[in-house]
Amino acid sequence: MAAALTLPVALVEAGPGGAIPVQASIPDMVQKGWEYRVALVPSASAPAGSQLTDVSWRYELAMDGPVPAAWLCAPSDCVALPMARGSTDALAGLPADTPLSLHLVLPGEGMLKRPVRGGTAQVFVNYQMQDR
């Protein structure tokens, strides 16, 4: 019974939340070993004082070439993305309007015979208002 009483108190401390969708284009990749960066800037619709709780991502490439290593980065930290879609709470606590970027690196060195065609990157920045 004590656990049931504790849960509502924890929910009262955090205010309402929401999600900010962000979409960007990924460029064609022609060089192995280069870091390709895609800016994922949340819109100005994040309420003042809101904090990021988790981020869901999805990116698509025309995959007739090597599979890139990928990271989702904030100015202060990066999180390795083990696959082309998923979610993470590793950036939780940052302001919801923190600019994010997707970083992609094709393995190896040198030019590709055929470029890896770019596609789209989408993230949903989930946030919650913090009561003060």
N, C-alpha and C. Protein backbone atom coordinates (compact mmCIF):
# COMPACT_ATOMS: atom_id res chain seq x y z
N MET A 1 0.82 -1.18 0.00
CA MET A 1 0.00 0.00 0.00
C MET A 1 0.87 1.26 0.00
N ALA A 2 2.00 1.23 0.69
CA ALA A 2 2.89 2.40 0.72
C ALA A 2 3.43 2.71 -0.67
N ALA A 3 3.72 1.70 -1.47
CA ALA A 3 4.22 1.93 -2.83
C ALA A 3 3.17 2.64 -3.67
N ALA A 4 1.92 2.29 -3.50
CA ALA A 4 0.85 2.93 -4.26
C ALA A 4 0.72 4.40 -3.89
N LEU A 5 1.00 4.75 -2.65
CA LEU A 5 0.92 6.15 -2.23
C LEU A 5 2.11 6.95 -2.72
N THR A 6 3.25 6.32 -2.89
CA THR A 6 4.45 7.01 -3.33
C THR A 6 4.38 7.38 -4.81
N LEU A 7 3.81 6.54 -5.66
CA LEU A 7 3.77 6.79 -7.09
C LEU A 7 3.07 8.09 -7.44
N PRO A 8 1.88 8.40 -6.95
CA PRO A 8 1.25 9.68 -7.31
C PRO A 8 2.07 10.89 -6.90
N VAL A 9 2.81 10.82 -5.80
CA VAL A 9 3.65 11.95 -5.39
C VAL A 9 4.73 12.20 -6.42
N ALA A 10 5.35 11.15 -6.94
CA ALA A 10 6.38 11.30 -7.96
C ALA A 10 5.81 11.91 -9.23
N LEU A 11 4.59 11.57 -9.59
CA LEU A 11 3.98 12.12 -10.79
C LEU A 11 3.62 13.59 -10.62
N VAL A 12 3.37 14.03 -9.44
CA VAL A 12 3.01 15.43 -9.21
C VAL A 12 4.21 16.34 -9.39
N GLU A 13 5.42 15.85 -9.14
CA GLU A 13 6.62 16.67 -9.23
C GLU A 13 6.92 17.13 -10.64
N ALA A 14 6.59 16.34 -11.63
CA ALA A 14 6.86 16.71 -13.01
C ALA A 14 5.57 17.19 -13.66
N GLY A 15 5.69 18.22 -14.46
CA GLY A 15 4.52 18.77 -15.14
C GLY A 15 4.23 18.02 -16.43
N PRO A 16 3.32 18.58 -17.23
CA PRO A 16 2.96 17.93 -18.49
C PRO A 16 4.13 17.91 -19.46
N GLY A 17 4.03 17.06 -20.44
CA GLY A 17 5.11 16.94 -21.41
C GLY A 17 4.58 16.95 -22.82
N GLY A 18 5.44 16.63 -23.74
CA GLY A 18 5.08 16.60 -25.15
C GLY A 18 6.24 16.09 -25.97
N ALA A 19 6.13 16.23 -27.27
CA ALA A 19 7.18 15.79 -28.19
C ALA A 19 7.35 16.83 -29.28
N ILE A 20 8.58 17.05 -29.68
CA ILE A 20 8.90 17.98 -30.75
C ILE A 20 9.48 17.16 -31.91
N PRO A 21 8.78 17.11 -33.04
CA PRO A 21 9.32 16.38 -34.19
C PRO A 21 10.35 17.23 -34.95
N VAL A 22 11.42 16.60 -35.38
CA VAL A 22 12.46 17.28 -36.14
C VAL A 22 12.82 16.38 -37.32
N GLN A 23 12.93 16.97 -38.50
CA GLN A 23 13.29 16.20 -39.69
C GLN A 23 14.36 16.95 -40.45
N ALA A 24 15.30 16.22 -41.05
CA ALA A 24 16.37 16.82 -41.83
C ALA A 24 16.78 15.86 -42.93
N SER A 25 17.45 16.40 -43.94
CA SER A 25 17.96 15.58 -45.05
C SER A 25 19.39 15.17 -44.78
N ILE A 26 19.70 13.92 -45.12
CA ILE A 26 21.06 13.41 -45.00
C ILE A 26 21.70 13.53 -46.38
N PRO A 27 22.90 14.09 -46.46
CA PRO A 27 23.54 14.25 -47.77
C PRO A 27 24.04 12.91 -48.31
N ASP A 28 24.31 12.89 -49.61
CA ASP A 28 24.98 11.73 -50.19
C ASP A 28 26.36 11.62 -49.56
N MET A 29 26.80 10.40 -49.34
CA MET A 29 28.12 10.18 -48.73
C MET A 29 29.03 9.54 -49.77
N VAL A 30 30.16 10.19 -50.04
CA VAL A 30 31.06 9.74 -51.11
C VAL A 30 32.44 9.33 -50.60
N GLN A 31 32.74 9.60 -49.34
CA GLN A 31 34.08 9.39 -48.80
C GLN A 31 34.03 8.52 -47.55
N LYS A 32 34.79 7.45 -47.52
CA LYS A 32 34.90 6.63 -46.31
C LYS A 32 35.76 7.37 -45.30
N GLY A 33 35.43 7.20 -44.03
CA GLY A 33 36.23 7.80 -42.96
C GLY A 33 35.88 9.25 -42.65
N TRP A 34 35.08 9.89 -43.46
CA TRP A 34 34.67 11.27 -43.18
C TRP A 34 33.47 11.26 -42.25
N GLU A 35 33.37 12.29 -41.45
CA GLU A 35 32.21 12.44 -40.57
C GLU A 35 31.21 13.37 -41.24
N TYR A 36 30.04 12.82 -41.52
CA TYR A 36 28.95 13.60 -42.09
C TYR A 36 28.03 14.00 -40.96
N ARG A 37 27.74 15.30 -40.85
CA ARG A 37 26.91 15.82 -39.76
C ARG A 37 25.61 16.39 -40.32
N VAL A 38 24.53 16.07 -39.64
CA VAL A 38 23.21 16.56 -40.01
C VAL A 38 22.63 17.28 -38.81
N ALA A 39 22.37 18.57 -38.94
CA ALA A 39 21.80 19.35 -37.83
C ALA A 39 20.34 18.96 -37.63
N LEU A 40 19.98 18.70 -36.39
CA LEU A 40 18.62 18.36 -35.99
C LEU A 40 18.19 19.38 -34.93
N VAL A 41 17.76 20.53 -35.37
CA VAL A 41 17.48 21.62 -34.46
C VAL A 41 16.00 21.60 -34.07
N PRO A 42 15.71 21.37 -32.78
CA PRO A 42 14.30 21.41 -32.35
C PRO A 42 13.71 22.78 -32.60
N SER A 43 12.44 22.79 -32.92
CA SER A 43 11.76 24.06 -33.18
C SER A 43 11.68 24.89 -31.90
N ALA A 44 11.33 26.12 -32.06
CA ALA A 44 11.20 27.03 -30.92
C ALA A 44 9.94 26.73 -30.11
N SER A 45 9.25 25.63 -30.42
CA SER A 45 8.01 25.32 -29.72
C SER A 45 8.22 24.65 -28.37
N ALA A 46 9.45 24.38 -28.00
CA ALA A 46 9.71 23.80 -26.68
C ALA A 46 9.39 24.84 -25.61
N PRO A 47 8.51 24.50 -24.68
CA PRO A 47 8.18 25.46 -23.63
C PRO A 47 9.40 25.81 -22.78
N ALA A 48 9.46 27.05 -22.34
CA ALA A 48 10.55 27.48 -21.47
C ALA A 48 10.57 26.60 -20.22
N GLY A 49 11.74 26.16 -19.84
CA GLY A 49 11.90 25.34 -18.64
C GLY A 49 11.65 23.86 -18.87
N SER A 50 11.37 23.44 -20.09
CA SER A 50 11.13 22.02 -20.34
C SER A 50 12.46 21.28 -20.49
N GLN A 51 12.45 20.04 -20.06
CA GLN A 51 13.66 19.22 -20.11
C GLN A 51 13.43 17.99 -20.96
N LEU A 52 14.45 17.63 -21.71
CA LEU A 52 14.42 16.44 -22.54
C LEU A 52 14.31 15.21 -21.64
N THR A 53 13.41 14.30 -21.98
CA THR A 53 13.30 13.04 -21.24
C THR A 53 13.90 11.89 -22.03
N ASP A 54 13.61 11.84 -23.32
CA ASP A 54 14.22 10.84 -24.20
C ASP A 54 14.07 11.31 -25.64
N VAL A 55 14.83 10.66 -26.51
CA VAL A 55 14.82 10.99 -27.93
C VAL A 55 14.61 9.70 -28.70
N SER A 56 13.66 9.72 -29.63
CA SER A 56 13.47 8.62 -30.56
C SER A 56 14.04 9.06 -31.90
N TRP A 57 14.72 8.16 -32.60
CA TRP A 57 15.32 8.52 -33.87
C TRP A 57 14.98 7.48 -34.93
N ARG A 58 15.14 7.93 -36.16
CA ARG A 58 15.01 7.06 -37.32
C ARG A 58 15.74 7.74 -38.46
N TYR A 59 16.63 7.00 -39.13
CA TYR A 59 17.24 7.56 -40.33
C TYR A 59 17.24 6.50 -41.41
N GLU A 60 17.15 6.98 -42.64
CA GLU A 60 17.09 6.09 -43.80
C GLU A 60 18.11 6.53 -44.83
N LEU A 61 18.81 5.54 -45.38
CA LEU A 61 19.76 5.76 -46.46
C LEU A 61 19.46 4.74 -47.56
N ALA A 62 19.88 5.06 -48.78
CA ALA A 62 19.81 4.07 -49.85
C ALA A 62 20.99 3.12 -49.61
N MET A 63 20.71 1.99 -48.99
CA MET A 63 21.78 1.13 -48.48
C MET A 63 22.32 0.14 -49.52
N ASP A 64 22.90 0.65 -50.58
CA ASP A 64 23.60 -0.22 -51.50
C ASP A 64 25.11 -0.10 -51.31
N GLY A 65 25.50 0.44 -50.17
CA GLY A 65 26.91 0.61 -49.86
C GLY A 65 27.18 0.17 -48.44
N PRO A 66 28.32 0.58 -47.89
CA PRO A 66 28.66 0.20 -46.52
C PRO A 66 27.71 0.84 -45.50
N VAL A 67 27.55 0.18 -44.39
CA VAL A 67 26.70 0.69 -43.31
C VAL A 67 27.52 1.64 -42.44
N PRO A 68 27.04 2.87 -42.24
CA PRO A 68 27.81 3.83 -41.45
C PRO A 68 27.65 3.60 -39.95
N ALA A 69 28.66 4.01 -39.21
CA ALA A 69 28.54 4.13 -37.76
C ALA A 69 27.80 5.44 -37.53
N ALA A 70 26.96 5.49 -36.48
CA ALA A 70 26.14 6.68 -36.26
C ALA A 70 26.12 7.07 -34.79
N TRP A 71 26.03 8.39 -34.55
CA TRP A 71 25.91 8.95 -33.21
C TRP A 71 24.87 10.06 -33.24
N LEU A 72 24.15 10.20 -32.14
CA LEU A 72 23.26 11.33 -31.92
C LEU A 72 23.97 12.22 -30.90
N CYS A 73 24.19 13.47 -31.26
CA CYS A 73 25.00 14.34 -30.42
C CYS A 73 24.26 15.61 -29.99
N ALA A 74 24.51 15.99 -28.74
CA ALA A 74 24.18 17.30 -28.20
C ALA A 74 25.52 18.03 -28.12
N PRO A 75 25.53 19.34 -27.88
CA PRO A 75 26.81 20.03 -27.80
C PRO A 75 27.76 19.44 -26.75
N SER A 76 27.21 18.83 -25.70
CA SER A 76 28.06 18.34 -24.61
C SER A 76 28.30 16.85 -24.60
N ASP A 77 27.60 16.07 -25.43
CA ASP A 77 27.71 14.61 -25.34
C ASP A 77 27.21 13.96 -26.62
N CYS A 78 27.69 12.75 -26.89
CA CYS A 78 27.22 11.96 -28.03
C CYS A 78 26.83 10.58 -27.54
N VAL A 79 25.84 10.00 -28.22
CA VAL A 79 25.34 8.66 -27.90
C VAL A 79 25.45 7.82 -29.17
N ALA A 80 26.12 6.68 -29.09
CA ALA A 80 26.23 5.79 -30.24
C ALA A 80 24.85 5.20 -30.54
N LEU A 81 24.50 5.15 -31.83
CA LEU A 81 23.23 4.59 -32.26
C LEU A 81 23.51 3.20 -32.85
N PRO A 82 23.07 2.15 -32.18
CA PRO A 82 23.38 0.79 -32.64
C PRO A 82 22.61 0.36 -33.88
N MET A 83 21.56 1.08 -34.23
CA MET A 83 20.76 0.75 -35.40
C MET A 83 20.11 2.01 -35.95
N ALA A 84 19.43 1.89 -37.08
CA ALA A 84 18.87 3.05 -37.77
C ALA A 84 17.60 3.59 -37.13
N ARG A 85 17.06 2.92 -36.14
CA ARG A 85 15.90 3.45 -35.41
C ARG A 85 15.95 2.95 -33.98
N GLY A 86 15.43 3.78 -33.09
CA GLY A 86 15.42 3.40 -31.68
C GLY A 86 15.13 4.61 -30.82
N SER A 87 15.43 4.48 -29.54
CA SER A 87 15.25 5.60 -28.61
C SER A 87 16.29 5.48 -27.50
N THR A 88 16.54 6.61 -26.87
CA THR A 88 17.50 6.66 -25.77
C THR A 88 17.11 7.74 -24.78
N ASP A 89 17.42 7.50 -23.53
CA ASP A 89 17.24 8.53 -22.50
C ASP A 89 18.59 9.04 -22.01
N ALA A 90 19.65 8.74 -22.77
CA ALA A 90 21.00 9.14 -22.37
C ALA A 90 21.21 10.65 -22.32
N LEU A 91 20.37 11.41 -23.00
CA LEU A 91 20.50 12.87 -22.99
C LEU A 91 19.46 13.52 -22.08
N ALA A 92 18.79 12.73 -21.27
CA ALA A 92 17.75 13.24 -20.38
C ALA A 92 18.29 14.33 -19.47
N GLY A 93 17.46 15.33 -19.22
CA GLY A 93 17.82 16.43 -18.33
C GLY A 93 18.30 17.67 -19.06
N LEU A 94 18.67 17.54 -20.34
CA LEU A 94 19.07 18.71 -21.12
C LEU A 94 17.82 19.55 -21.43
N PRO A 95 18.00 20.84 -21.67
CA PRO A 95 16.85 21.64 -22.10
C PRO A 95 16.26 21.05 -23.38
N ALA A 96 14.94 21.06 -23.50
CA ALA A 96 14.28 20.44 -24.65
C ALA A 96 14.64 21.11 -25.97
N ASP A 97 15.08 22.35 -25.94
CA ASP A 97 15.45 23.04 -27.18
C ASP A 97 16.94 22.91 -27.51
N THR A 98 17.64 21.97 -26.87
CA THR A 98 19.06 21.74 -27.15
C THR A 98 19.23 21.30 -28.60
N PRO A 99 20.12 21.95 -29.36
CA PRO A 99 20.35 21.51 -30.73
C PRO A 99 21.04 20.14 -30.74
N LEU A 100 20.53 19.26 -31.57
CA LEU A 100 21.09 17.92 -31.72
C LEU A 100 21.64 17.77 -33.13
N SER A 101 22.49 16.77 -33.32
CA SER A 101 22.99 16.47 -34.65
C SER A 101 23.21 14.97 -34.79
N LEU A 102 23.05 14.50 -36.01
CA LEU A 102 23.31 13.12 -36.35
C LEU A 102 24.67 13.08 -37.03
N HIS A 103 25.55 12.21 -36.57
CA HIS A 103 26.89 12.07 -37.14
C HIS A 103 27.00 10.68 -37.74
N LEU A 104 27.43 10.61 -38.98
CA LEU A 104 27.56 9.34 -39.69
C LEU A 104 28.97 9.22 -40.24
N VAL A 105 29.57 8.04 -40.09
CA VAL A 105 30.92 7.78 -40.62
C VAL A 105 30.90 6.42 -41.31
N LEU A 106 31.28 6.41 -42.60
CA LEU A 106 31.42 5.16 -43.33
C LEU A 106 32.76 4.53 -42.98
N PRO A 107 32.80 3.22 -42.74
CA PRO A 107 34.06 2.57 -42.36
C PRO A 107 35.08 2.58 -43.50
N GLY A 108 36.34 2.61 -43.12
CA GLY A 108 37.42 2.54 -44.09
C GLY A 108 37.95 3.90 -44.48
N GLU A 109 38.69 3.91 -45.60
CA GLU A 109 39.29 5.14 -46.12
C GLU A 109 39.10 5.19 -47.63
N GLY A 110 39.11 6.38 -48.17
CA GLY A 110 39.06 6.56 -49.62
C GLY A 110 37.67 6.83 -50.14
N MET A 111 37.64 7.10 -51.43
CA MET A 111 36.39 7.41 -52.12
C MET A 111 35.61 6.13 -52.40
N LEU A 112 34.30 6.28 -52.41
CA LEU A 112 33.43 5.17 -52.80
C LEU A 112 33.27 5.18 -54.32
N LYS A 113 33.15 4.00 -54.92
CA LYS A 113 32.89 3.94 -56.36
C LYS A 113 31.51 4.50 -56.68
N ARG A 114 30.55 4.19 -55.81
CA ARG A 114 29.20 4.73 -55.92
C ARG A 114 28.83 5.34 -54.58
N PRO A 115 28.35 6.58 -54.57
CA PRO A 115 27.99 7.20 -53.28
C PRO A 115 26.84 6.47 -52.60
N VAL A 116 26.85 6.54 -51.28
CA VAL A 116 25.69 6.09 -50.50
C VAL A 116 24.71 7.25 -50.56
N ARG A 117 23.58 7.02 -51.16
CA ARG A 117 22.59 8.08 -51.32
C ARG A 117 21.99 8.48 -49.99
N GLY A 118 21.92 9.77 -49.78
CA GLY A 118 21.34 10.29 -48.55
C GLY A 118 19.86 10.00 -48.47
N GLY A 119 19.30 10.31 -47.36
CA GLY A 119 17.88 10.08 -47.13
C GLY A 119 17.37 11.09 -46.13
N THR A 120 16.59 10.61 -45.19
CA THR A 120 16.03 11.51 -44.18
C THR A 120 16.39 11.03 -42.78
N ALA A 121 16.45 11.99 -41.90
CA ALA A 121 16.65 11.71 -40.47
C ALA A 121 15.49 12.36 -39.74
N GLN A 122 14.91 11.61 -38.81
CA GLN A 122 13.82 12.13 -38.00
C GLN A 122 14.11 11.84 -36.54
N VAL A 123 13.82 12.80 -35.70
CA VAL A 123 13.89 12.58 -34.25
C VAL A 123 12.64 13.16 -33.63
N PHE A 124 12.25 12.57 -32.52
CA PHE A 124 11.20 13.12 -31.67
C PHE A 124 11.84 13.40 -30.33
N VAL A 125 11.92 14.67 -29.98
CA VAL A 125 12.47 15.09 -28.71
C VAL A 125 11.30 15.10 -27.72
N ASN A 126 11.27 14.12 -26.84
CA ASN A 126 10.23 14.06 -25.82
C ASN A 126 10.68 14.87 -24.61
N TYR A 127 9.77 15.66 -24.08
CA TYR A 127 10.13 16.54 -22.97
C TYR A 127 9.07 16.54 -21.91
N GLN A 128 9.46 17.08 -20.78
CA GLN A 128 8.53 17.22 -19.66
C GLN A 128 8.82 18.55 -18.99
N MET A 129 7.77 19.22 -18.55
CA MET A 129 7.93 20.46 -17.81
C MET A 129 8.40 20.12 -16.40
N GLN A 130 9.28 20.92 -15.87
CA GLN A 130 9.77 20.70 -14.51
C GLN A 130 9.18 21.77 -13.62
N ASP A 131 8.47 21.34 -12.59
CA ASP A 131 7.93 22.30 -11.63
C ASP A 131 9.06 22.88 -10.80
N ARG A 132 8.91 24.13 -10.50
CA ARG A 132 10.00 24.79 -9.75
C ARG A 132 9.61 25.05 -8.33
